[in-house]
């Protein structure tokens, strides 16, 4: 999902002949620090839902940097992509509440990519998204990039 969104951002920058004006970074939640968030003009969050809420790594990211950036990123645009077995709404609600606290502005409704994974083996397995889901993620990344350019 994140790779598709990144490609969407780069494709729009290329289409607008603005590659030099867009610095996209794909970072795992555990490696993102407050200075990364403060330095971003826009944010796109990609996370799995686990047991009806955000995955541990993404929740830990928000817990770790929330107060360090509070009231310093108001009004910045954000997008949200959630991977889930059959639902995803819990992780969306949780992330949207955090983003509301940060006073971020959503660029589009959150996209939930359903994997259908229900067995322990399927849940633990790496996921691949299909072409339709890839296109949704690509569009989200492109939309954010277009708004920033």
Foldseek 3Di string as FASTA:
>chain_A
DQVLLQLLLCVLCVVVVNNVVDDDDDDFLQPDALVNVLPDLEEEDEFEADPLATDPSNVVSCVHRLVVCAPRNAAREYAYEYEYAPDRPSHQVVVVVSCVRSNYHYLDRYHYQHQNDDDPVSVPDDGDGDPVVSVVSSVRSNSSSVVVD
